[in-house]
Amino acid sequence: MLWNFLTDYFRCDASLLAEPTMIARSVLQMALFCGSAFFSGSEIALVNAETLRGKD
C-alpha cells in the first residue's frame, strides 16, 4: 500500500525532461548551486585566513 503510493507520487514523465525550458532550468539550477558552493568555500577560506593571521 505505502510502496504503491510512493511510486505513484514520485513517478515522472521522462519526456518532460527533454523540453527546452526544463533543460534551461536545470542548467540554471546547477550554475546557482556551483556558485553557492564557490562562495561558501571562499567564506570559509577567508575566515580561516583571518584566524591564522590573528595567531601571529
N, C-alpha and C. Protein backbone atom coordinates (compact mmCIF):
# COMPACT_ATOMS: atom_id res chain seq x y z
N MET A 1 0.82 -1.19 0.00
CA MET A 1 0.00 0.00 0.00
C MET A 1 0.87 1.26 0.00
N LEU A 2 1.76 1.34 0.96
CA LEU A 2 2.63 2.51 1.05
C LEU A 2 3.57 2.57 -0.15
N TRP A 3 4.09 1.40 -0.55
CA TRP A 3 5.01 1.37 -1.68
C TRP A 3 4.32 1.85 -2.96
N ASN A 4 3.11 1.44 -3.19
CA ASN A 4 2.36 1.88 -4.37
C ASN A 4 2.11 3.38 -4.32
N PHE A 5 1.79 3.90 -3.15
CA PHE A 5 1.58 5.34 -3.01
C PHE A 5 2.85 6.11 -3.35
N LEU A 6 3.99 5.63 -2.82
CA LEU A 6 5.24 6.33 -3.07
C LEU A 6 5.66 6.27 -4.53
N THR A 7 5.50 5.13 -5.17
CA THR A 7 5.86 5.03 -6.58
C THR A 7 4.96 5.89 -7.45
N ASP A 8 3.69 5.99 -7.11
CA ASP A 8 2.78 6.87 -7.85
C ASP A 8 3.12 8.34 -7.61
N TYR A 9 3.50 8.66 -6.38
CA TYR A 9 3.79 10.05 -6.03
C TYR A 9 5.05 10.55 -6.74
N PHE A 10 6.08 9.71 -6.81
CA PHE A 10 7.36 10.13 -7.39
C PHE A 10 7.51 9.79 -8.87
N ARG A 11 6.47 9.29 -9.49
CA ARG A 11 6.53 8.97 -10.92
C ARG A 11 6.63 10.27 -11.72
N CYS A 12 7.47 10.28 -12.73
CA CYS A 12 7.60 11.46 -13.57
C CYS A 12 7.57 11.05 -15.04
N ASP A 13 7.24 11.99 -15.86
CA ASP A 13 7.20 11.77 -17.31
C ASP A 13 8.56 12.16 -17.87
N ALA A 14 9.32 11.19 -18.36
CA ALA A 14 10.68 11.45 -18.84
C ALA A 14 10.70 12.37 -20.04
N SER A 15 9.63 12.43 -20.80
CA SER A 15 9.61 13.31 -21.98
C SER A 15 9.62 14.78 -21.58
N LEU A 16 9.15 15.08 -20.37
CA LEU A 16 9.16 16.47 -19.91
C LEU A 16 10.59 16.97 -19.64
N LEU A 17 11.49 16.04 -19.34
CA LEU A 17 12.88 16.43 -19.05
C LEU A 17 13.62 16.92 -20.29
N ALA A 18 13.12 16.59 -21.47
CA ALA A 18 13.79 16.99 -22.71
C ALA A 18 13.29 18.32 -23.26
N GLU A 19 12.33 18.93 -22.60
CA GLU A 19 11.82 20.22 -23.07
C GLU A 19 12.88 21.31 -22.85
N PRO A 20 12.96 22.26 -23.75
CA PRO A 20 13.99 23.32 -23.62
C PRO A 20 13.89 24.11 -22.32
N THR A 21 12.68 24.38 -21.85
CA THR A 21 12.56 25.15 -20.61
C THR A 21 13.08 24.36 -19.42
N MET A 22 12.84 23.05 -19.42
CA MET A 22 13.32 22.23 -18.31
C MET A 22 14.84 22.11 -18.36
N ILE A 23 15.41 22.02 -19.54
CA ILE A 23 16.87 21.96 -19.67
C ILE A 23 17.48 23.27 -19.20
N ALA A 24 16.88 24.39 -19.58
CA ALA A 24 17.39 25.70 -19.16
C ALA A 24 17.29 25.85 -17.64
N ARG A 25 16.20 25.41 -17.06
CA ARG A 25 16.04 25.50 -15.61
C ARG A 25 17.07 24.62 -14.89
N SER A 26 17.32 23.45 -15.43
CA SER A 26 18.30 22.54 -14.82
C SER A 26 19.70 23.12 -14.89
N VAL A 27 20.05 23.70 -16.02
CA VAL A 27 21.37 24.32 -16.17
C VAL A 27 21.50 25.51 -15.23
N LEU A 28 20.46 26.32 -15.13
CA LEU A 28 20.49 27.46 -14.22
C LEU A 28 20.62 27.01 -12.77
N GLN A 29 19.89 25.98 -12.40
CA GLN A 29 19.95 25.47 -11.04
C GLN A 29 21.35 24.94 -10.72
N MET A 30 21.97 24.24 -11.65
CA MET A 30 23.33 23.73 -11.42
C MET A 30 24.33 24.88 -11.32
N ALA A 31 24.16 25.91 -12.14
CA ALA A 31 25.06 27.07 -12.08
C ALA A 31 24.92 27.78 -10.73
N LEU A 32 23.70 27.94 -10.25
CA LEU A 32 23.49 28.57 -8.96
C LEU A 32 24.05 27.72 -7.82
N PHE A 33 23.90 26.41 -7.93
CA PHE A 33 24.45 25.51 -6.92
C PHE A 33 25.98 25.60 -6.88
N CYS A 34 26.61 25.62 -8.05
CA CYS A 34 28.08 25.73 -8.11
C CYS A 34 28.54 27.09 -7.59
N GLY A 35 27.80 28.15 -7.90
CA GLY A 35 28.14 29.47 -7.37
C GLY A 35 28.02 29.52 -5.86
N SER A 36 26.99 28.89 -5.33
CA SER A 36 26.82 28.83 -3.88
C SER A 36 27.96 28.08 -3.23
N ALA A 37 28.36 26.96 -3.82
CA ALA A 37 29.47 26.19 -3.27
C ALA A 37 30.77 26.99 -3.32
N PHE A 38 30.99 27.70 -4.41
CA PHE A 38 32.21 28.51 -4.54
C PHE A 38 32.26 29.60 -3.47
N PHE A 39 31.17 30.33 -3.30
CA PHE A 39 31.19 31.42 -2.33
C PHE A 39 31.20 30.91 -0.89
N SER A 40 30.61 29.76 -0.62
CA SER A 40 30.71 29.16 0.71
C SER A 40 32.15 28.77 1.00
N GLY A 41 32.82 28.18 0.03
CA GLY A 41 34.22 27.83 0.20
C GLY A 41 35.10 29.05 0.38
N SER A 42 34.80 30.11 -0.35
CA SER A 42 35.56 31.36 -0.21
C SER A 42 35.39 31.96 1.17
N GLU A 43 34.18 31.90 1.68
CA GLU A 43 33.92 32.44 3.02
C GLU A 43 34.69 31.65 4.08
N ILE A 44 34.68 30.34 3.95
CA ILE A 44 35.42 29.51 4.90
C ILE A 44 36.92 29.79 4.82
N ALA A 45 37.43 29.96 3.61
CA ALA A 45 38.86 30.25 3.45
C ALA A 45 39.22 31.60 4.06
N LEU A 46 38.37 32.59 3.88
CA LEU A 46 38.66 33.91 4.45
C LEU A 46 38.62 33.88 5.97
N VAL A 47 37.66 33.19 6.53
CA VAL A 47 37.58 33.10 8.00
C VAL A 47 38.80 32.38 8.55
N ASN A 48 39.22 31.30 7.90
CA ASN A 48 40.41 30.58 8.36
C ASN A 48 41.67 31.41 8.18
N ALA A 49 41.76 32.19 7.11
CA ALA A 49 42.93 33.04 6.90
C ALA A 49 43.02 34.11 7.99
N GLU A 50 41.87 34.67 8.37
CA GLU A 50 41.88 35.67 9.44
C GLU A 50 42.25 35.05 10.77
N THR A 51 41.81 33.81 10.99
CA THR A 51 42.16 33.11 12.23
C THR A 51 43.66 32.85 12.29
N LEU A 52 44.24 32.40 11.18
CA LEU A 52 45.67 32.13 11.15
C LEU A 52 46.48 33.41 11.27
N ARG A 53 46.00 34.48 10.68
CA ARG A 53 46.70 35.77 10.75
C ARG A 53 46.68 36.32 12.17
N GLY A 54 45.60 36.07 12.89
CA GLY A 54 45.48 36.58 14.27
C GLY A 54 46.38 35.86 15.25
N LYS A 55 46.86 34.68 14.92
CA LYS A 55 47.72 33.92 15.84
C LYS A 55 49.16 34.38 15.83
N ASP A 56 49.55 35.24 14.89
CA ASP A 56 50.94 35.72 14.82
C ASP A 56 51.30 36.63 15.96
